[in-house]
């Protein structure tokens, strides 16, 4: 049709394409599509269109009046999810991505599993670790990814969010083998733990696994601040696998439960 009309629609179509690209760039879109284009007497018209916006860029577009909902489905975001989302709002160095996949622990209870807090550097290593933890009887209350070299401040705030979840029976942190500055990661986590547990003795079992750049400095930081003196803290290094992390947490949790006479908090 276009060429039978002598190409008269070409300028209008070119203008449409340019405007679509401008929307794509200015709106931080992951997709901007017109399909189909209807040829009318007035020229080409977008008969249907679809635009998808990057959730992580919504803070730059208050004019859209949109709320990030993709990962939480139709439910409202929880108070902790709202707090966690603000951590990235004004600091774009790395991520502190937090979602409560079992907000009230009911899913873990229905499955007969124990609810824990979780943080991982990288989605791949997080899923691999959870694949080891879940068969051992532990289910994450939340999913958290603190990758992309976030600041110590971000780790400090997101760690406090994770540990604010009621009735969790443990905390697991694991990093992947990457170039992330794990000394900054550890600095934020250590600060959060020292504020929450000034006696250096957490009240739940905690396993930390540091593997990657500056991992030895990160581990030394825990020793320096006395956190490794707690019987409820286990620190692992670059030689540990995801399976080692899960088994270490299982053993620590079993000892903690036995010392409490089998009672849960």
C-alpha atoms as a PDB file:
ATOM      1  CA  UNK A   1       0.000   0.000   0.000  1.00  0.00           C
ATOM      2  CA  UNK A   2       2.834   2.337   0.934  1.00  0.00           C
ATOM      3  CA  UNK A   3       4.611   2.032  -2.383  1.00  0.00           C
ATOM      4  CA  UNK A   4       1.390   2.007  -4.448  1.00  0.00           C
ATOM      5  CA  UNK A   5       0.650   5.413  -2.947  1.00  0.00           C
ATOM      6  CA  UNK A   6       3.916   6.705  -4.355  1.00  0.00           C
ATOM      7  CA  UNK A   7       5.616   6.759  -0.992  1.00  0.00           C
ATOM      8  CA  UNK A   8       3.614   9.766   0.153  1.00  0.00           C
ATOM      9  CA  UNK A   9       3.303   8.214   3.619  1.00  0.00           C
ATOM     10  CA  UNK A  10       7.046   7.840   4.084  1.00  0.00           C
ATOM     11  CA  UNK A  11       7.650  11.218   5.780  1.00  0.00           C
ATOM     12  CA  UNK A  12       4.775  10.614   8.206  1.00  0.00           C
ATOM     13  CA  UNK A  13       6.015   7.094   8.994  1.00  0.00           C
ATOM     14  CA  UNK A  14       9.527   8.424   9.523  1.00  0.00           C
ATOM     15  CA  UNK A  15       8.164  11.024  11.914  1.00  0.00           C
ATOM     16  CA  UNK A  16       6.254   8.330  13.776  1.00  0.00           C
ATOM     17  CA  UNK A  17       9.399   6.214  14.087  1.00  0.00           C
ATOM     18  CA  UNK A  18      11.410   9.169  15.389  1.00  0.00           C
ATOM     19  CA  UNK A  19       8.769   9.998  18.000  1.00  0.00           C
ATOM     20  CA  UNK A  20       8.601   6.354  19.061  1.00  0.00           C
ATOM     21  CA  UNK A  21      12.364   6.273  19.543  1.00  0.00           C
ATOM     22  CA  UNK A  22      12.233   9.502  21.544  1.00  0.00           C
ATOM     23  CA  UNK A  23       9.602   7.960  23.824  1.00  0.00           C
ATOM     24  CA  UNK A  24      11.747   4.842  24.179  1.00  0.00           C
ATOM     25  CA  UNK A  25      14.821   6.826  25.232  1.00  0.00           C
ATOM     26  CA  UNK A  26      13.225   9.536  27.356  1.00  0.00           C
ATOM     27  CA  UNK A  27      10.894   7.110  29.132  1.00  0.00           C
ATOM     28  CA  UNK A  28      13.564   4.535  30.066  1.00  0.00           C
ATOM     29  CA  UNK A  29      11.568   1.916  28.192  1.00  0.00           C
ATOM     30  CA  UNK A  30      12.446  -1.712  27.767  1.00  0.00           C
ATOM     31  CA  UNK A  31       9.923  -1.882  24.923  1.00  0.00           C
ATOM     32  CA  UNK A  32       8.179   0.682  22.716  1.00  0.00           C
ATOM     33  CA  UNK A  33       6.178  -0.884  19.915  1.00  0.00           C
ATOM     34  CA  UNK A  34       3.504   0.143  17.417  1.00  0.00           C
ATOM     35  CA  UNK A  35       1.799  -2.827  15.828  1.00  0.00           C
ATOM     36  CA  UNK A  36      -0.113  -2.470  13.618  1.00  0.00           C
ATOM     37  CA  UNK A  37       0.080   0.847  11.821  1.00  0.00           C
ATOM     38  CA  UNK A  38      -3.180   1.698  10.054  1.00  0.00           C
ATOM     39  CA  UNK A  39      -3.029   3.636   6.807  1.00  0.00           C
ATOM     40  CA  UNK A  40      -5.884   6.147   6.728  1.00  0.00           C
ATOM     41  CA  UNK A  41      -6.879   9.099   4.592  1.00  0.00           C
ATOM     42  CA  UNK A  42      -5.184  11.300   7.178  1.00  0.00           C
ATOM     43  CA  UNK A  43      -1.994   9.260   6.987  1.00  0.00           C
ATOM     44  CA  UNK A  44      -0.518   6.483   9.151  1.00  0.00           C
ATOM     45  CA  UNK A  45      -2.086   5.984  12.579  1.00  0.00           C
ATOM     46  CA  UNK A  46      -0.973   3.758  15.444  1.00  0.00           C
ATOM     47  CA  UNK A  47      -3.809   1.252  15.670  1.00  0.00           C
ATOM     48  CA  UNK A  48      -2.233  -0.417  18.690  1.00  0.00           C
ATOM     49  CA  UNK A  49       0.852   0.265  20.785  1.00  0.00           C
ATOM     50  CA  UNK A  50       2.669  -1.135  23.792  1.00  0.00           C
ATOM     51  CA  UNK A  51       5.195   0.539  26.089  1.00  0.00           C
ATOM     52  CA  UNK A  52       7.047  -1.175  28.941  1.00  0.00           C
ATOM     53  CA  UNK A  53       9.110   0.890  31.375  1.00  0.00           C
ATOM     54  CA  UNK A  54      12.104  -0.330  33.331  1.00  0.00           C
ATOM     55  CA  UNK A  55      10.969  -0.728  36.960  1.00  0.00           C
ATOM     56  CA  UNK A  56      14.371   0.405  38.187  1.00  0.00           C
ATOM     57  CA  UNK A  57      13.911   3.737  36.376  1.00  0.00           C
ATOM     58  CA  UNK A  58      10.489   4.631  37.781  1.00  0.00           C
ATOM     59  CA  UNK A  59      12.038   6.968  40.356  1.00  0.00           C
ATOM     60  CA  UNK A  60      13.081   9.215  37.455  1.00  0.00           C
ATOM     61  CA  UNK A  61       9.502   9.555  36.195  1.00  0.00           C
ATOM     62  CA  UNK A  62       7.118  10.780  38.884  1.00  0.00           C
ATOM     63  CA  UNK A  63       5.022  12.210  36.037  1.00  0.00           C
ATOM     64  CA  UNK A  64       3.934   8.671  35.144  1.00  0.00           C
ATOM     65  CA  UNK A  65       2.408   8.119  38.586  1.00  0.00           C
ATOM     66  CA  UNK A  66       3.336   4.444  38.401  1.00  0.00           C
ATOM     67  CA  UNK A  67       4.175   2.012  41.166  1.00  0.00           C
ATOM     68  CA  UNK A  68       6.443  -1.003  40.804  1.00  0.00           C
ATOM     69  CA  UNK A  69       4.225  -4.057  41.013  1.00  0.00           C
ATOM     70  CA  UNK A  70       5.688  -6.652  38.669  1.00  0.00           C
ATOM     71  CA  UNK A  71       7.270  -8.943  41.238  1.00  0.00           C
ATOM     72  CA  UNK A  72       4.576  -8.682  43.873  1.00  0.00           C
ATOM     73  CA  UNK A  73       1.665  -9.456  41.576  1.00  0.00           C
ATOM     74  CA  UNK A  74      -1.658  -7.874  42.448  1.00  0.00           C
ATOM     75  CA  UNK A  75      -0.947  -7.385  46.137  1.00  0.00           C
ATOM     76  CA  UNK A  76       0.117  -4.086  47.653  1.00  0.00           C
ATOM     77  CA  UNK A  77       3.779  -3.719  48.463  1.00  0.00           C
ATOM     78  CA  UNK A  78       4.593  -4.474  52.078  1.00  0.00           C
ATOM     79  CA  UNK A  79       5.872  -1.743  54.422  1.00  0.00           C
ATOM     80  CA  UNK A  80       9.363  -3.241  54.302  1.00  0.00           C
ATOM     81  CA  UNK A  81       9.298  -3.365  50.494  1.00  0.00           C
ATOM     82  CA  UNK A  82       8.362   0.307  50.422  1.00  0.00           C
ATOM     83  CA  UNK A  83      11.208   1.165  52.792  1.00  0.00           C
ATOM     84  CA  UNK A  84      13.670  -0.934  50.797  1.00  0.00           C
ATOM     85  CA  UNK A  85      12.649   0.695  47.504  1.00  0.00           C
ATOM     86  CA  UNK A  86      13.683   4.089  48.876  1.00  0.00           C
ATOM     87  CA  UNK A  87      17.249   2.868  49.386  1.00  0.00           C
ATOM     88  CA  UNK A  88      17.891   2.946  45.631  1.00  0.00           C
ATOM     89  CA  UNK A  89      15.869   6.101  45.013  1.00  0.00           C
ATOM     90  CA  UNK A  90      18.688   8.620  45.408  1.00  0.00           C
ATOM     91  CA  UNK A  91      21.757   6.410  45.105  1.00  0.00           C
ATOM     92  CA  UNK A  92      22.199   4.536  41.850  1.00  0.00           C
ATOM     93  CA  UNK A  93      25.520   2.857  42.643  1.00  0.00           C
ATOM     94  CA  UNK A  94      24.691  -0.833  42.594  1.00  0.00           C
ATOM     95  CA  UNK A  95      21.402  -2.268  43.770  1.00  0.00           C
ATOM     96  CA  UNK A  96      19.634  -3.170  46.979  1.00  0.00           C
ATOM     97  CA  UNK A  97      16.802  -5.120  45.421  1.00  0.00           C
ATOM     98  CA  UNK A  98      14.419  -6.539  48.035  1.00  0.00           C
ATOM     99  CA  UNK A  99      11.140  -8.460  47.625  1.00  0.00           C
ATOM    100  CA  UNK A 100       9.237 -10.340  50.317  1.00  0.00           C
ATOM    101  CA  UNK A 101       8.286 -13.569  48.610  1.00  0.00           C
ATOM    102  CA  UNK A 102       6.637 -14.920  51.774  1.00  0.00           C
ATOM    103  CA  UNK A 103       5.722 -11.733  53.689  1.00  0.00           C
ATOM    104  CA  UNK A 104       4.046 -13.322  56.717  1.00  0.00           C
ATOM    105  CA  UNK A 105       5.810 -16.672  56.659  1.00  0.00           C
ATOM    106  CA  UNK A 106       2.576 -18.512  55.888  1.00  0.00           C
ATOM    107  CA  UNK A 107       4.017 -20.270  52.846  1.00  0.00           C
ATOM    108  CA  UNK A 108       6.936 -21.630  54.858  1.00  0.00           C
ATOM    109  CA  UNK A 109       4.542 -22.779  57.581  1.00  0.00           C
ATOM    110  CA  UNK A 110       2.281 -24.506  55.066  1.00  0.00           C
ATOM    111  CA  UNK A 111       5.278 -26.329  53.602  1.00  0.00           C
ATOM    112  CA  UNK A 112       6.611 -27.250  57.036  1.00  0.00           C
ATOM    113  CA  UNK A 113       9.765 -25.207  56.482  1.00  0.00           C
ATOM    114  CA  UNK A 114      11.674 -22.676  58.552  1.00  0.00           C
ATOM    115  CA  UNK A 115      11.573 -19.032  57.491  1.00  0.00           C
ATOM    116  CA  UNK A 116      14.893 -17.168  57.142  1.00  0.00           C
ATOM    117  CA  UNK A 117      16.224 -13.829  55.916  1.00  0.00           C
ATOM    118  CA  UNK A 118      18.427 -13.905  52.819  1.00  0.00           C
ATOM    119  CA  UNK A 119      20.816 -11.672  50.883  1.00  0.00           C
ATOM    120  CA  UNK A 120      22.984 -12.572  47.882  1.00  0.00           C
ATOM    121  CA  UNK A 121      25.427 -10.846  45.577  1.00  0.00           C
ATOM    122  CA  UNK A 122      24.042 -11.890  42.206  1.00  0.00           C
ATOM    123  CA  UNK A 123      20.826 -13.646  41.252  1.00  0.00           C
ATOM    124  CA  UNK A 124      22.561 -16.776  39.982  1.00  0.00           C
ATOM    125  CA  UNK A 125      24.430 -17.514  43.198  1.00  0.00           C
ATOM    126  CA  UNK A 126      21.303 -16.630  45.197  1.00  0.00           C
ATOM    127  CA  UNK A 127      19.180 -19.182  43.346  1.00  0.00           C
ATOM    128  CA  UNK A 128      21.923 -21.799  43.590  1.00  0.00           C
ATOM    129  CA  UNK A 129      22.157 -21.280  47.356  1.00  0.00           C
ATOM    130  CA  UNK A 130      18.399 -21.381  47.813  1.00  0.00           C
ATOM    131  CA  UNK A 131      18.309 -24.604  45.795  1.00  0.00           C
ATOM    132  CA  UNK A 132      20.515 -26.056  48.526  1.00  0.00           C
ATOM    133  CA  UNK A 133      18.721 -24.476  51.493  1.00  0.00           C
ATOM    134  CA  UNK A 134      15.123 -25.341  50.623  1.00  0.00           C
ATOM    135  CA  UNK A 135      15.600 -29.157  50.523  1.00  0.00           C
ATOM    136  CA  UNK A 136      17.201 -28.871  53.965  1.00  0.00           C
ATOM    137  CA  UNK A 137      14.003 -27.341  55.326  1.00  0.00           C
ATOM    138  CA  UNK A 138      14.621 -23.599  55.038  1.00  0.00           C
ATOM    139  CA  UNK A 139      12.560 -21.133  53.026  1.00  0.00           C
ATOM    140  CA  UNK A 140      13.499 -17.505  52.384  1.00  0.00           C
ATOM    141  CA  UNK A 141      11.125 -14.888  53.741  1.00  0.00           C
ATOM    142  CA  UNK A 142      12.607 -12.496  51.207  1.00  0.00           C
ATOM    143  CA  UNK A 143      14.730 -12.371  48.084  1.00  0.00           C
ATOM    144  CA  UNK A 144      17.444  -9.733  48.084  1.00  0.00           C
ATOM    145  CA  UNK A 145      20.138  -8.979  45.508  1.00  0.00           C
ATOM    146  CA  UNK A 146      22.880  -6.538  46.519  1.00  0.00           C
ATOM    147  CA  UNK A 147      25.063  -6.636  43.427  1.00  0.00           C
ATOM    148  CA  UNK A 148      26.558  -4.114  41.014  1.00  0.00           C
ATOM    149  CA  UNK A 149      29.004  -2.812  43.642  1.00  0.00           C
ATOM    150  CA  UNK A 150      26.565  -0.991  45.955  1.00  0.00           C
ATOM    151  CA  UNK A 151      27.819   1.353  48.638  1.00  0.00           C
ATOM    152  CA  UNK A 152      28.333   0.349  52.257  1.00  0.00           C
ATOM    153  CA  UNK A 153      25.422   2.635  53.110  1.00  0.00           C
ATOM    154  CA  UNK A 154      23.079   0.560  50.955  1.00  0.00           C
ATOM    155  CA  UNK A 155      24.199  -2.686  52.576  1.00  0.00           C
ATOM    156  CA  UNK A 156      23.779  -1.161  56.022  1.00  0.00           C
ATOM    157  CA  UNK A 157      20.191  -0.124  55.336  1.00  0.00           C
ATOM    158  CA  UNK A 158      19.061  -3.232  53.467  1.00  0.00           C
ATOM    159  CA  UNK A 159      20.552  -5.534  56.126  1.00  0.00           C
ATOM    160  CA  UNK A 160      18.461  -3.780  58.765  1.00  0.00           C
ATOM    161  CA  UNK A 161      15.388  -4.225  56.563  1.00  0.00           C
ATOM    162  CA  UNK A 162      16.032  -7.958  56.178  1.00  0.00           C
ATOM    163  CA  UNK A 163      16.565  -8.449  59.895  1.00  0.00           C
ATOM    164  CA  UNK A 164      13.414  -6.437  60.696  1.00  0.00           C
ATOM    165  CA  UNK A 165      11.267  -9.291  59.377  1.00  0.00           C
ATOM    166  CA  UNK A 166       9.502 -10.842  62.367  1.00  0.00           C
ATOM    167  CA  UNK A 167       9.928 -14.472  63.371  1.00  0.00           C
ATOM    168  CA  UNK A 168      12.751 -15.335  60.984  1.00  0.00           C
ATOM    169  CA  UNK A 169      14.992 -18.072  62.334  1.00  0.00           C
ATOM    170  CA  UNK A 170      18.212 -17.129  60.676  1.00  0.00           C
ATOM    171  CA  UNK A 171      20.078 -14.995  58.168  1.00  0.00           C
ATOM    172  CA  UNK A 172      22.226 -16.074  55.224  1.00  0.00           C
ATOM    173  CA  UNK A 173      24.486 -13.853  53.139  1.00  0.00           C
ATOM    174  CA  UNK A 174      26.408 -15.239  50.167  1.00  0.00           C
ATOM    175  CA  UNK A 175      28.441 -13.564  47.433  1.00  0.00           C
ATOM    176  CA  UNK A 176      29.438 -14.770  44.008  1.00  0.00           C
ATOM    177  CA  UNK A 177      32.940 -14.720  42.553  1.00  0.00           C
ATOM    178  CA  UNK A 178      32.933 -11.238  41.039  1.00  0.00           C
ATOM    179  CA  UNK A 179      34.767  -7.923  41.066  1.00  0.00           C
ATOM    180  CA  UNK A 180      32.391  -6.385  43.604  1.00  0.00           C
ATOM    181  CA  UNK A 181      34.264  -4.661  46.429  1.00  0.00           C
ATOM    182  CA  UNK A 182      33.279  -6.993  49.221  1.00  0.00           C
ATOM    183  CA  UNK A 183      35.033  -4.834  51.804  1.00  0.00           C
ATOM    184  CA  UNK A 184      32.359  -2.169  51.196  1.00  0.00           C
ATOM    185  CA  UNK A 185      29.686  -4.854  51.340  1.00  0.00           C
ATOM    186  CA  UNK A 186      31.007  -6.154  54.660  1.00  0.00           C
ATOM    187  CA  UNK A 187      31.404  -2.661  56.090  1.00  0.00           C
ATOM    188  CA  UNK A 188      27.694  -1.983  55.693  1.00  0.00           C
ATOM    189  CA  UNK A 189      26.631  -5.378  57.044  1.00  0.00           C
ATOM    190  CA  UNK A 190      28.958  -5.134  60.034  1.00  0.00           C
ATOM    191  CA  UNK A 191      27.652  -1.672  60.912  1.00  0.00           C
ATOM    192  CA  UNK A 192      24.068  -2.944  60.829  1.00  0.00           C
ATOM    193  CA  UNK A 193      24.885  -5.940  63.029  1.00  0.00           C
ATOM    194  CA  UNK A 194      26.798  -3.833  65.569  1.00  0.00           C
ATOM    195  CA  UNK A 195      23.819  -1.499  65.905  1.00  0.00           C
ATOM    196  CA  UNK A 196      21.281  -4.310  66.176  1.00  0.00           C
ATOM    197  CA  UNK A 197      23.459  -6.501  68.402  1.00  0.00           C
ATOM    198  CA  UNK A 198      25.851  -4.236  70.364  1.00  0.00           C
ATOM    199  CA  UNK A 199      26.980  -7.225  72.432  1.00  0.00           C
ATOM    200  CA  UNK A 200      28.241  -8.854  69.169  1.00  0.00           C
ATOM    201  CA  UNK A 201      25.930 -11.786  69.731  1.00  0.00           C
ATOM    202  CA  UNK A 202      23.006 -12.123  67.274  1.00  0.00           C
ATOM    203  CA  UNK A 203      19.931 -13.906  68.599  1.00  0.00           C
ATOM    204  CA  UNK A 204      19.507 -16.017  65.445  1.00  0.00           C
ATOM    205  CA  UNK A 205      21.984 -18.200  63.510  1.00  0.00           C
ATOM    206  CA  UNK A 206      23.843 -16.251  60.805  1.00  0.00           C
ATOM    207  CA  UNK A 207      26.068 -17.551  58.015  1.00  0.00           C
ATOM    208  CA  UNK A 208      28.184 -15.236  55.857  1.00  0.00           C
ATOM    209  CA  UNK A 209      30.077 -16.360  52.773  1.00  0.00           C
ATOM    210  CA  UNK A 210      32.493 -13.926  51.108  1.00  0.00           C
ATOM    211  CA  UNK A 211      33.987 -14.942  47.772  1.00  0.00           C
ATOM    212  CA  UNK A 212      35.503 -12.513  45.301  1.00  0.00           C
ATOM    213  CA  UNK A 213      37.370  -9.228  45.267  1.00  0.00           C
ATOM    214  CA  UNK A 214      38.514  -7.975  48.686  1.00  0.00           C
ATOM    215  CA  UNK A 215      36.970 -11.038  50.336  1.00  0.00           C
ATOM    216  CA  UNK A 216      39.867 -11.443  52.777  1.00  0.00           C
ATOM    217  CA  UNK A 217      39.474  -7.826  53.893  1.00  0.00           C
ATOM    218  CA  UNK A 218      35.745  -8.399  54.354  1.00  0.00           C
ATOM    219  CA  UNK A 219      36.348 -11.470  56.498  1.00  0.00           C
ATOM    220  CA  UNK A 220      38.983  -9.685  58.565  1.00  0.00           C
ATOM    221  CA  UNK A 221      36.469  -6.928  59.281  1.00  0.00           C
ATOM    222  CA  UNK A 222      34.175  -9.431  61.004  1.00  0.00           C
ATOM    223  CA  UNK A 223      37.067 -10.664  63.143  1.00  0.00           C
ATOM    224  CA  UNK A 224      38.179  -7.139  63.994  1.00  0.00           C
ATOM    225  CA  UNK A 225      34.753  -6.147  65.258  1.00  0.00           C
ATOM    226  CA  UNK A 226      34.297  -9.326  67.278  1.00  0.00           C
ATOM    227  CA  UNK A 227      31.301 -10.718  65.425  1.00  0.00           C
ATOM    228  CA  UNK A 228      32.948 -14.097  64.804  1.00  0.00           C
ATOM    229  CA  UNK A 229      33.219 -14.683  68.551  1.00  0.00           C
ATOM    230  CA  UNK A 230      29.488 -15.342  68.665  1.00  0.00           C
ATOM    231  CA  UNK A 231      28.565 -19.042  68.611  1.00  0.00           C
ATOM    232  CA  UNK A 232      25.694 -18.103  66.284  1.00  0.00           C
ATOM    233  CA  UNK A 233      27.927 -16.657  63.551  1.00  0.00           C
ATOM    234  CA  UNK A 234      29.687 -18.742  60.918  1.00  0.00           C
ATOM    235  CA  UNK A 235      32.001 -17.114  58.383  1.00  0.00           C
ATOM    236  CA  UNK A 236      32.983 -18.845  55.126  1.00  0.00           C
ATOM    237  CA  UNK A 237      35.447 -17.844  52.404  1.00  0.00           C
ATOM    238  CA  UNK A 238      36.220 -18.340  48.743  1.00  0.00           C
ATOM    239  CA  UNK A 239      36.710 -22.101  49.014  1.00  0.00           C
ATOM    240  CA  UNK A 240      33.109 -22.675  50.133  1.00  0.00           C
ATOM    241  CA  UNK A 241      30.401 -23.832  47.749  1.00  0.00           C
ATOM    242  CA  UNK A 242      26.686 -23.040  47.892  1.00  0.00           C
ATOM    243  CA  UNK A 243      26.217 -26.517  49.343  1.00  0.00           C
ATOM    244  CA  UNK A 244      28.744 -25.706  52.077  1.00  0.00           C
ATOM    245  CA  UNK A 245      26.800 -22.551  52.928  1.00  0.00           C
ATOM    246  CA  UNK A 246      23.525 -24.481  53.257  1.00  0.00           C
ATOM    247  CA  UNK A 247      25.068 -27.250  55.363  1.00  0.00           C
ATOM    248  CA  UNK A 248      26.807 -24.738  57.635  1.00  0.00           C
ATOM    249  CA  UNK A 249      23.514 -22.975  58.235  1.00  0.00           C
ATOM    250  CA  UNK A 250      21.684 -26.259  58.867  1.00  0.00           C
ATOM    251  CA  UNK A 251      24.222 -27.299  61.505  1.00  0.00           C
ATOM    252  CA  UNK A 252      24.195 -23.870  63.152  1.00  0.00           C
ATOM    253  CA  UNK A 253      20.408 -23.784  63.237  1.00  0.00           C
ATOM    254  CA  UNK A 254      20.250 -27.293  64.698  1.00  0.00           C
ATOM    255  CA  UNK A 255      22.591 -26.321  67.559  1.00  0.00           C
ATOM    256  CA  UNK A 256      20.630 -23.133  68.186  1.00  0.00           C
ATOM    257  CA  UNK A 257      17.344 -25.051  68.290  1.00  0.00           C
ATOM    258  CA  UNK A 258      18.782 -27.687  70.620  1.00  0.00           C
ATOM    259  CA  UNK A 259      20.080 -25.049  73.023  1.00  0.00           C
ATOM    260  CA  UNK A 260      16.585 -23.546  73.127  1.00  0.00           C
ATOM    261  CA  UNK A 261      15.116 -26.914  73.977  1.00  0.00           C
ATOM    262  CA  UNK A 262      13.607 -27.269  70.539  1.00  0.00           C
ATOM    263  CA  UNK A 263      11.482 -24.140  70.979  1.00  0.00           C
ATOM    264  CA  UNK A 264      11.151 -21.592  68.231  1.00  0.00           C
ATOM    265  CA  UNK A 265      11.209 -17.860  69.012  1.00  0.00           C
END
